[in-house]
């Protein structure tokens, strides 16, 4: 698994799916599309949500660092001038 974007997309999909609680809807009515209105108030942000977002931020920082180091190493290699035939 060498593609950083694939890894980032997978991590974000897992985090998004984990934080989506079944039965939790918005207070404006029918967040799940059932048309029944608010069935449960999710309340304040839990420590679990904070930790998931912190983990997502750390993973983004790690991927950005890896990509930046690859860019810098590629940019530091000298470019050879073409030779005339």
N, C-alpha and C. Protein backbone atom coordinates (compact mmCIF):
# COMPACT_ATOMS: atom_id res chain seq x y z
N UNK A 1 0.85 -1.17 0.00
CA UNK A 1 0.00 0.00 0.00
C UNK A 1 0.89 1.23 0.00
N UNK A 2 1.34 1.63 -1.17
CA UNK A 2 2.27 2.74 -1.29
C UNK A 2 1.59 4.05 -1.64
N UNK A 3 0.33 4.02 -2.00
CA UNK A 3 -0.36 5.24 -2.41
C UNK A 3 -0.89 5.97 -1.18
N UNK A 4 -0.34 7.14 -0.85
CA UNK A 4 -0.79 7.87 0.35
C UNK A 4 -2.24 8.33 0.25
N UNK A 5 -2.70 8.68 -0.94
CA UNK A 5 -4.08 9.15 -1.09
C UNK A 5 -5.06 8.02 -0.83
N UNK A 6 -4.71 6.81 -1.23
CA UNK A 6 -5.57 5.66 -0.96
C UNK A 6 -5.65 5.40 0.53
N UNK A 7 -4.52 5.52 1.21
CA UNK A 7 -4.50 5.32 2.65
C UNK A 7 -5.33 6.41 3.35
N UNK A 8 -5.17 7.66 2.93
CA UNK A 8 -5.91 8.76 3.54
C UNK A 8 -7.41 8.60 3.30
N UNK A 9 -7.79 8.23 2.10
CA UNK A 9 -9.20 8.03 1.79
C UNK A 9 -9.79 6.91 2.64
N UNK A 10 -9.05 5.84 2.81
CA UNK A 10 -9.53 4.73 3.63
C UNK A 10 -9.68 5.11 5.09
N UNK A 11 -8.71 5.86 5.62
CA UNK A 11 -8.79 6.28 7.02
C UNK A 11 -9.98 7.20 7.23
N UNK A 12 -10.19 8.15 6.32
CA UNK A 12 -11.31 9.06 6.46
C UNK A 12 -12.65 8.34 6.32
N UNK A 13 -12.72 7.33 5.46
CA UNK A 13 -13.95 6.56 5.32
C UNK A 13 -14.27 5.80 6.60
N UNK A 14 -13.25 5.21 7.20
CA UNK A 14 -13.46 4.48 8.45
C UNK A 14 -13.90 5.42 9.56
N UNK A 15 -13.26 6.57 9.66
CA UNK A 15 -13.62 7.53 10.71
C UNK A 15 -15.03 8.05 10.50
N UNK A 16 -15.37 8.38 9.26
CA UNK A 16 -16.71 8.88 8.97
C UNK A 16 -17.76 7.84 9.30
N UNK A 17 -17.51 6.61 8.92
CA UNK A 17 -18.49 5.54 9.18
C UNK A 17 -18.61 5.27 10.68
N UNK A 18 -17.52 5.36 11.41
CA UNK A 18 -17.55 5.10 12.84
C UNK A 18 -18.31 6.19 13.57
N UNK A 19 -18.15 7.44 13.17
CA UNK A 19 -18.80 8.54 13.86
C UNK A 19 -20.28 8.67 13.52
N UNK A 20 -20.72 8.05 12.43
CA UNK A 20 -22.13 8.11 12.08
C UNK A 20 -22.88 7.07 12.91
N UNK A 21 -23.63 7.57 13.85
CA UNK A 21 -24.38 6.67 14.73
C UNK A 21 -25.75 6.39 14.14
N UNK A 22 -26.17 5.13 14.08
CA UNK A 22 -27.49 4.82 13.55
C UNK A 22 -28.57 5.39 14.46
N UNK A 23 -29.59 5.98 13.86
CA UNK A 23 -30.70 6.52 14.63
C UNK A 23 -30.52 7.97 15.02
N UNK A 24 -29.33 8.52 14.86
CA UNK A 24 -29.11 9.92 15.20
C UNK A 24 -29.49 10.78 14.01
N UNK A 25 -30.41 11.70 14.23
CA UNK A 25 -30.86 12.58 13.16
C UNK A 25 -30.68 14.02 13.59
N UNK A 26 -30.90 14.90 12.66
CA UNK A 26 -30.81 16.32 12.97
C UNK A 26 -32.09 16.78 13.65
N UNK A 27 -32.06 17.96 14.24
CA UNK A 27 -33.25 18.47 14.92
C UNK A 27 -34.21 19.12 13.95
N UNK A 28 -33.83 19.28 12.66
CA UNK A 28 -34.71 19.89 11.68
C UNK A 28 -35.55 18.84 10.96
N UNK A 29 -35.37 17.58 11.31
CA UNK A 29 -36.28 16.56 10.78
C UNK A 29 -35.68 15.64 9.76
N UNK A 30 -35.62 14.38 10.12
CA UNK A 30 -35.34 13.33 9.16
C UNK A 30 -33.96 13.31 8.58
N UNK A 31 -32.94 13.32 9.36
CA UNK A 31 -31.58 13.25 8.85
C UNK A 31 -31.29 11.94 8.16
N UNK A 32 -31.97 10.86 8.56
CA UNK A 32 -31.78 9.55 7.94
C UNK A 32 -32.72 9.34 6.77
N UNK A 33 -33.56 10.33 6.48
CA UNK A 33 -34.47 10.20 5.36
C UNK A 33 -35.76 9.48 5.70
N UNK A 34 -36.00 9.22 6.99
CA UNK A 34 -37.22 8.51 7.36
C UNK A 34 -38.40 9.45 7.52
N UNK A 35 -38.17 10.76 7.56
CA UNK A 35 -39.24 11.73 7.67
C UNK A 35 -39.85 11.80 9.05
N UNK A 36 -39.26 11.16 10.02
CA UNK A 36 -39.84 11.11 11.35
C UNK A 36 -39.36 12.20 12.28
N UNK A 37 -38.51 13.08 11.82
CA UNK A 37 -38.02 14.14 12.68
C UNK A 37 -36.89 13.67 13.56
N UNK A 38 -36.61 14.44 14.60
CA UNK A 38 -35.50 14.12 15.49
C UNK A 38 -35.88 12.97 16.40
N UNK A 39 -35.12 11.89 16.34
CA UNK A 39 -35.39 10.75 17.19
C UNK A 39 -34.46 10.70 18.38
N UNK A 40 -33.31 11.37 18.27
CA UNK A 40 -32.33 11.34 19.35
C UNK A 40 -31.42 12.55 19.25
N UNK A 41 -31.23 13.23 20.35
CA UNK A 41 -30.32 14.37 20.38
C UNK A 41 -28.92 13.85 20.68
N UNK A 42 -27.97 14.15 19.81
CA UNK A 42 -26.61 13.64 20.00
C UNK A 42 -25.87 14.40 21.09
N UNK A 43 -26.32 15.59 21.46
CA UNK A 43 -25.72 16.33 22.55
C UNK A 43 -24.36 16.91 22.19
N UNK A 44 -23.56 17.11 23.21
CA UNK A 44 -22.25 17.72 23.03
C UNK A 44 -21.27 16.73 22.40
N UNK A 45 -20.12 17.25 22.03
CA UNK A 45 -19.08 16.42 21.43
C UNK A 45 -18.50 15.50 22.50
N UNK A 46 -18.39 14.23 22.18
CA UNK A 46 -17.83 13.28 23.14
C UNK A 46 -16.31 13.22 22.99
N UNK A 47 -15.66 12.67 23.99
CA UNK A 47 -14.21 12.52 23.94
C UNK A 47 -13.80 11.57 22.82
N UNK A 48 -14.66 10.60 22.51
CA UNK A 48 -14.37 9.68 21.42
C UNK A 48 -14.29 10.41 20.09
N UNK A 49 -15.23 11.35 19.86
CA UNK A 49 -15.20 12.12 18.63
C UNK A 49 -13.95 12.98 18.55
N UNK A 50 -13.59 13.58 19.66
CA UNK A 50 -12.38 14.41 19.68
C UNK A 50 -11.15 13.57 19.36
N UNK A 51 -11.09 12.37 19.92
CA UNK A 51 -9.94 11.50 19.66
C UNK A 51 -9.91 11.04 18.20
N UNK A 52 -11.08 10.76 17.61
CA UNK A 52 -11.11 10.36 16.21
C UNK A 52 -10.63 11.49 15.31
N UNK A 53 -11.09 12.71 15.59
CA UNK A 53 -10.64 13.83 14.77
C UNK A 53 -9.15 14.12 14.99
N UNK A 54 -8.68 13.94 16.19
CA UNK A 54 -7.24 14.11 16.45
C UNK A 54 -6.43 13.06 15.69
N UNK A 55 -6.93 11.82 15.67
CA UNK A 55 -6.25 10.76 14.93
C UNK A 55 -6.25 11.07 13.43
N UNK A 56 -7.36 11.60 12.93
CA UNK A 56 -7.43 11.96 11.51
C UNK A 56 -6.43 13.08 11.20
N UNK A 57 -6.34 14.06 12.10
CA UNK A 57 -5.39 15.15 11.88
C UNK A 57 -3.95 14.66 11.90
N UNK A 58 -3.64 13.75 12.80
CA UNK A 58 -2.29 13.19 12.86
C UNK A 58 -1.99 12.41 11.59
N UNK A 59 -2.94 11.63 11.12
CA UNK A 59 -2.70 10.84 9.91
C UNK A 59 -2.51 11.74 8.69
N UNK A 60 -3.27 12.84 8.63
CA UNK A 60 -3.08 13.78 7.52
C UNK A 60 -1.69 14.41 7.60
N UNK A 61 -1.27 14.75 8.80
CA UNK A 61 0.07 15.33 8.97
C UNK A 61 1.17 14.35 8.56
N UNK A 62 1.00 13.08 8.91
CA UNK A 62 1.99 12.07 8.54
C UNK A 62 2.06 11.90 7.03
N UNK A 63 0.90 11.82 6.39
CA UNK A 63 0.87 11.66 4.93
C UNK A 63 1.47 12.88 4.26
N UNK A 64 1.15 14.08 4.76
CA UNK A 64 1.71 15.30 4.17
C UNK A 64 3.23 15.34 4.34
N UNK A 65 3.73 14.88 5.48
CA UNK A 65 5.17 14.84 5.70
C UNK A 65 5.85 13.87 4.74
N UNK A 66 5.25 12.72 4.53
CA UNK A 66 5.81 11.74 3.60
C UNK A 66 5.85 12.30 2.19
N UNK A 67 4.75 12.90 1.76
CA UNK A 67 4.69 13.47 0.41
C UNK A 67 5.70 14.60 0.27
N UNK A 68 5.78 15.46 1.28
CA UNK A 68 6.72 16.59 1.21
C UNK A 68 8.17 16.12 1.15
N UNK A 69 8.49 15.07 1.92
CA UNK A 69 9.87 14.57 1.88
C UNK A 69 10.19 13.97 0.52
N UNK A 70 9.22 13.32 -0.12
CA UNK A 70 9.45 12.79 -1.46
C UNK A 70 9.64 13.91 -2.47
N UNK A 71 8.86 14.97 -2.31
CA UNK A 71 9.00 16.11 -3.23
C UNK A 71 10.37 16.76 -3.06
N UNK A 72 10.79 16.93 -1.81
CA UNK A 72 12.10 17.56 -1.57
C UNK A 72 13.25 16.70 -2.08
N UNK A 73 13.16 15.39 -1.90
CA UNK A 73 14.24 14.53 -2.38
C UNK A 73 14.29 14.51 -3.91
N UNK A 74 13.14 14.56 -4.55
CA UNK A 74 13.11 14.61 -6.01
C UNK A 74 13.62 15.95 -6.51
N UNK A 75 13.27 17.01 -5.82
CA UNK A 75 13.70 18.35 -6.25
C UNK A 75 15.19 18.56 -6.02
N UNK A 76 15.79 17.85 -5.08
CA UNK A 76 17.21 18.07 -4.79
C UNK A 76 18.13 17.32 -5.75
N UNK A 77 17.60 16.40 -6.54
CA UNK A 77 18.45 15.70 -7.51
C UNK A 77 18.78 16.66 -8.66
N UNK A 78 20.03 16.69 -9.09
CA UNK A 78 20.41 17.62 -10.17
C UNK A 78 19.83 17.18 -11.51
N UNK A 79 19.52 18.18 -12.31
CA UNK A 79 19.00 17.93 -13.64
C UNK A 79 20.17 17.93 -14.62
N UNK A 80 20.29 16.87 -15.38
CA UNK A 80 21.40 16.81 -16.34
C UNK A 80 20.99 17.50 -17.64
N UNK A 81 21.89 18.33 -18.11
CA UNK A 81 21.64 19.04 -19.37
C UNK A 81 21.77 18.05 -20.52
N UNK A 82 20.92 18.20 -21.51
CA UNK A 82 21.03 17.28 -22.65
C UNK A 82 22.33 17.54 -23.42
N UNK A 83 22.93 16.48 -23.88
CA UNK A 83 24.19 16.64 -24.64
C UNK A 83 23.88 16.71 -26.14
N UNK A 84 24.67 17.49 -26.84
CA UNK A 84 24.46 17.63 -28.28
C UNK A 84 24.99 16.41 -29.00
N UNK A 85 24.30 15.95 -30.01
CA UNK A 85 24.77 14.76 -30.74
C UNK A 85 25.99 15.02 -31.61
